[in-house]
Amino acid sequence: MDHEAVPVFLFLSVASIALFAFVAVAVWSTERRREREAYYRSETIKKITDTQGAGGNSALDFLHAEEKIKARRLREGGKLAGLITAAAGLGVMIFLHSMPDPDARSAYLVGLIPLLIGAVLLGYSLFLAPKES
């Protein structure tokens, strides 16, 4: 093995171990947070049903309100994703169109791919996504 390649090999080895350790901790903490949220949600629903005479109706209202909030966040996330993707496509088109090589000037059309994907995401979230009732 070449002595010049040893530092590169060691760096890549340590970097890959650090990356996968970080991913493992991030996934573990995310799952723990979700578990805690589910526990607190179930405890809240139990308290609502226990403390009130008509607790079943208010618990259902609570669940419906949570679903509406979740649907609205999903729709807003779709709008944001569409705008970001369309802006990235437009930026790629401008960047590639300003290339000095005249043979590569039509390469700016590659930017239409993310631009159209962003337009579809935005159109779906504005017009076709299920609305809250």
C-alpha atoms as a PDB file:
ATOM      1  CA  MET A   1       0.000   0.000   0.000  1.00  0.00           C
ATOM      2  CA  ASP A   2       1.285   3.427  -0.929  1.00  0.00           C
ATOM      3  CA  HIS A   3       2.263   5.564   2.063  1.00  0.00           C
ATOM      4  CA  GLU A   4       0.653   8.650   0.525  1.00  0.00           C
ATOM      5  CA  ALA A   5      -2.754   6.947   0.438  1.00  0.00           C
ATOM      6  CA  VAL A   6      -2.787   6.067   4.153  1.00  0.00           C
ATOM      7  CA  PRO A   7      -3.957   9.513   5.391  1.00  0.00           C
ATOM      8  CA  VAL A   8      -6.723   9.605   2.784  1.00  0.00           C
ATOM      9  CA  PHE A   9      -7.839   6.115   3.739  1.00  0.00           C
ATOM     10  CA  LEU A  10      -7.837   7.000   7.450  1.00  0.00           C
ATOM     11  CA  PHE A  11      -9.736  10.225   6.833  1.00  0.00           C
ATOM     12  CA  LEU A  12     -12.400   8.476   4.763  1.00  0.00           C
ATOM     13  CA  SER A  13     -12.706   5.687   7.329  1.00  0.00           C
ATOM     14  CA  VAL A  14     -13.167   8.062  10.248  1.00  0.00           C
ATOM     15  CA  ALA A  15     -15.519  10.287   8.247  1.00  0.00           C
ATOM     16  CA  SER A  16     -17.761   7.377   7.262  1.00  0.00           C
ATOM     17  CA  ILE A  17     -17.889   6.055  10.839  1.00  0.00           C
ATOM     18  CA  ALA A  18     -18.740   9.548  12.126  1.00  0.00           C
ATOM     19  CA  LEU A  19     -21.431   9.987   9.477  1.00  0.00           C
ATOM     20  CA  PHE A  20     -23.168   6.722  10.268  1.00  0.00           C
ATOM     21  CA  ALA A  21     -22.901   7.320  14.022  1.00  0.00           C
ATOM     22  CA  PHE A  22     -24.525  10.735  13.544  1.00  0.00           C
ATOM     23  CA  VAL A  23     -27.310   9.244  11.420  1.00  0.00           C
ATOM     24  CA  ALA A  24     -27.964   6.559  14.040  1.00  0.00           C
ATOM     25  CA  VAL A  25     -28.221   9.118  16.861  1.00  0.00           C
ATOM     26  CA  ALA A  26     -30.425  11.409  14.769  1.00  0.00           C
ATOM     27  CA  VAL A  27     -32.844   8.599  13.899  1.00  0.00           C
ATOM     28  CA  TRP A  28     -32.929   7.382  17.500  1.00  0.00           C
ATOM     29  CA  SER A  29     -33.707  10.852  18.872  1.00  0.00           C
ATOM     30  CA  THR A  30     -36.399  11.460  16.257  1.00  0.00           C
ATOM     31  CA  GLU A  31     -38.121   8.185  17.057  1.00  0.00           C
ATOM     32  CA  ARG A  32     -37.917   8.883  20.781  1.00  0.00           C
ATOM     33  CA  ARG A  33     -39.542  12.282  20.248  1.00  0.00           C
ATOM     34  CA  ARG A  34     -42.339  10.727  18.180  1.00  0.00           C
ATOM     35  CA  GLU A  35     -42.926   8.113  20.857  1.00  0.00           C
ATOM     36  CA  ARG A  36     -43.164  10.818  23.523  1.00  0.00           C
ATOM     37  CA  GLU A  37     -45.586  12.848  21.402  1.00  0.00           C
ATOM     38  CA  ALA A  38     -47.811   9.804  20.870  1.00  0.00           C
ATOM     39  CA  TYR A  39     -47.778   9.082  24.614  1.00  0.00           C
ATOM     40  CA  TYR A  40     -48.702  12.654  25.549  1.00  0.00           C
ATOM     41  CA  ARG A  41     -51.397  12.699  22.876  1.00  0.00           C
ATOM     42  CA  SER A  42     -52.992   9.517  24.221  1.00  0.00           C
ATOM     43  CA  GLU A  43     -52.787  10.851  27.783  1.00  0.00           C
ATOM     44  CA  THR A  44     -54.502  14.085  26.704  1.00  0.00           C
ATOM     45  CA  ILE A  45     -57.297  12.157  25.043  1.00  0.00           C
ATOM     46  CA  LYS A  46     -57.734  10.004  28.176  1.00  0.00           C
ATOM     47  CA  LYS A  47     -57.974  13.109  30.368  1.00  0.00           C
ATOM     48  CA  ILE A  48     -60.512  14.717  28.034  1.00  0.00           C
ATOM     49  CA  THR A  49     -62.731  11.638  28.080  1.00  0.00           C
ATOM     50  CA  ASP A  50     -62.422  11.172  31.866  1.00  0.00           C
ATOM     51  CA  THR A  51     -63.042  14.738  33.040  1.00  0.00           C
ATOM     52  CA  GLN A  52     -66.146  15.594  31.033  1.00  0.00           C
ATOM     53  CA  GLY A  53     -69.532  13.952  30.818  1.00  0.00           C
ATOM     54  CA  ALA A  54     -69.603  14.277  27.051  1.00  0.00           C
ATOM     55  CA  GLY A  55     -65.900  13.520  26.801  1.00  0.00           C
ATOM     56  CA  GLY A  56     -66.264  11.333  23.743  1.00  0.00           C
ATOM     57  CA  ASN A  57     -67.481  14.238  21.622  1.00  0.00           C
ATOM     58  CA  SER A  58     -64.775  16.606  22.806  1.00  0.00           C
ATOM     59  CA  ALA A  59     -62.125  13.920  22.279  1.00  0.00           C
ATOM     60  CA  LEU A  60     -63.366  13.464  18.714  1.00  0.00           C
ATOM     61  CA  ASP A  61     -63.309  17.230  18.212  1.00  0.00           C
ATOM     62  CA  PHE A  62     -59.726  17.247  19.481  1.00  0.00           C
ATOM     63  CA  LEU A  63     -58.740  14.506  17.010  1.00  0.00           C
ATOM     64  CA  HIS A  64     -60.467  16.288  14.121  1.00  0.00           C
ATOM     65  CA  ALA A  65     -58.685  19.543  14.978  1.00  0.00           C
ATOM     66  CA  GLU A  66     -55.337  17.717  15.008  1.00  0.00           C
ATOM     67  CA  GLU A  67     -56.072  16.172  11.610  1.00  0.00           C
ATOM     68  CA  LYS A  68     -56.970  19.585  10.166  1.00  0.00           C
ATOM     69  CA  ILE A  69     -53.714  21.053  11.461  1.00  0.00           C
ATOM     70  CA  LYS A  70     -51.728  18.148  10.021  1.00  0.00           C
ATOM     71  CA  ALA A  71     -53.431  18.471   6.604  1.00  0.00           C
ATOM     72  CA  ARG A  72     -52.826  22.234   6.533  1.00  0.00           C
ATOM     73  CA  ARG A  73     -49.136  21.774   7.393  1.00  0.00           C
ATOM     74  CA  LEU A  74     -48.786  19.166   4.667  1.00  0.00           C
ATOM     75  CA  ARG A  75     -50.407  21.457   2.100  1.00  0.00           C
ATOM     76  CA  GLU A  76     -48.235  24.399   3.151  1.00  0.00           C
ATOM     77  CA  GLY A  77     -45.143  22.183   2.945  1.00  0.00           C
ATOM     78  CA  GLY A  78     -46.129  21.214  -0.603  1.00  0.00           C
ATOM     79  CA  LYS A  79     -46.444  24.873  -1.554  1.00  0.00           C
ATOM     80  CA  LEU A  80     -43.041  25.662  -0.087  1.00  0.00           C
ATOM     81  CA  ALA A  81     -41.432  22.658  -1.796  1.00  0.00           C
ATOM     82  CA  GLY A  82     -42.939  23.704  -5.120  1.00  0.00           C
ATOM     83  CA  LEU A  83     -41.699  27.273  -4.803  1.00  0.00           C
ATOM     84  CA  ILE A  84     -38.189  26.206  -3.800  1.00  0.00           C
ATOM     85  CA  THR A  85     -37.910  23.643  -6.599  1.00  0.00           C
ATOM     86  CA  ALA A  86     -39.235  26.075  -9.206  1.00  0.00           C
ATOM     87  CA  ALA A  87     -36.812  28.761  -8.032  1.00  0.00           C
ATOM     88  CA  ALA A  88     -33.915  26.290  -8.228  1.00  0.00           C
ATOM     89  CA  GLY A  89     -34.943  25.376 -11.785  1.00  0.00           C
ATOM     90  CA  LEU A  90     -35.127  29.023 -12.766  1.00  0.00           C
ATOM     91  CA  GLY A  91     -31.695  29.629 -11.237  1.00  0.00           C
ATOM     92  CA  VAL A  92     -30.207  26.700 -13.153  1.00  0.00           C
ATOM     93  CA  MET A  93     -31.728  28.015 -16.377  1.00  0.00           C
ATOM     94  CA  ILE A  94     -30.274  31.497 -15.844  1.00  0.00           C
ATOM     95  CA  PHE A  95     -26.879  30.089 -14.876  1.00  0.00           C
ATOM     96  CA  LEU A  96     -26.657  27.763 -17.880  1.00  0.00           C
ATOM     97  CA  HIS A  97     -27.952  30.383 -20.319  1.00  0.00           C
ATOM     98  CA  SER A  98     -25.161  32.763 -19.335  1.00  0.00           C
ATOM     99  CA  MET A  99     -22.418  30.279 -20.252  1.00  0.00           C
ATOM    100  CA  PRO A 100     -19.832  31.798 -22.604  1.00  0.00           C
ATOM    101  CA  ASP A 101     -19.636  28.728 -24.877  1.00  0.00           C
ATOM    102  CA  PRO A 102     -22.117  29.263 -27.763  1.00  0.00           C
ATOM    103  CA  ASP A 103     -22.398  25.499 -28.371  1.00  0.00           C
ATOM    104  CA  ALA A 104     -23.609  24.903 -24.815  1.00  0.00           C
ATOM    105  CA  ARG A 105     -26.122  27.736 -24.693  1.00  0.00           C
ATOM    106  CA  SER A 106     -29.090  25.427 -25.276  1.00  0.00           C
ATOM    107  CA  ALA A 107     -28.108  23.519 -22.131  1.00  0.00           C
ATOM    108  CA  TYR A 108     -30.223  25.963 -20.145  1.00  0.00           C
ATOM    109  CA  LEU A 109     -33.261  23.877 -21.088  1.00  0.00           C
ATOM    110  CA  VAL A 110     -32.104  21.337 -18.488  1.00  0.00           C
ATOM    111  CA  GLY A 111     -33.416  23.805 -15.901  1.00  0.00           C
ATOM    112  CA  LEU A 112     -36.931  23.137 -17.161  1.00  0.00           C
ATOM    113  CA  ILE A 113     -36.920  19.797 -15.325  1.00  0.00           C
ATOM    114  CA  PRO A 114     -36.851  21.197 -11.758  1.00  0.00           C
ATOM    115  CA  LEU A 115     -38.903  24.213 -12.860  1.00  0.00           C
ATOM    116  CA  LEU A 116     -41.736  22.008 -14.110  1.00  0.00           C
ATOM    117  CA  ILE A 117     -41.500  19.689 -11.091  1.00  0.00           C
ATOM    118  CA  GLY A 118     -41.853  22.730  -8.844  1.00  0.00           C
ATOM    119  CA  ALA A 119     -44.818  23.954 -10.877  1.00  0.00           C
ATOM    120  CA  VAL A 120     -46.529  20.569 -10.524  1.00  0.00           C
ATOM    121  CA  LEU A 121     -45.929  20.481  -6.750  1.00  0.00           C
ATOM    122  CA  LEU A 122     -47.249  24.001  -6.387  1.00  0.00           C
ATOM    123  CA  GLY A 123     -50.263  23.324  -8.619  1.00  0.00           C
ATOM    124  CA  TYR A 124     -51.160  20.168  -6.746  1.00  0.00           C
ATOM    125  CA  SER A 125     -50.954  21.807  -3.351  1.00  0.00           C
ATOM    126  CA  LEU A 126     -53.006  24.795  -4.519  1.00  0.00           C
ATOM    127  CA  PHE A 127     -55.714  23.115  -6.589  1.00  0.00           C
ATOM    128  CA  LEU A 128     -55.837  19.332  -6.150  1.00  0.00           C
ATOM    129  CA  ALA A 129     -54.798  18.650  -2.566  1.00  0.00           C
ATOM    130  CA  PRO A 130     -57.665  17.750  -0.221  1.00  0.00           C
ATOM    131  CA  LYS A 131     -59.003  20.856   1.461  1.00  0.00           C
ATOM    132  CA  GLU A 132     -59.848  21.001   5.146  1.00  0.00           C
ATOM    133  CA  SER A 133     -63.559  20.711   5.786  1.00  0.00           C
END
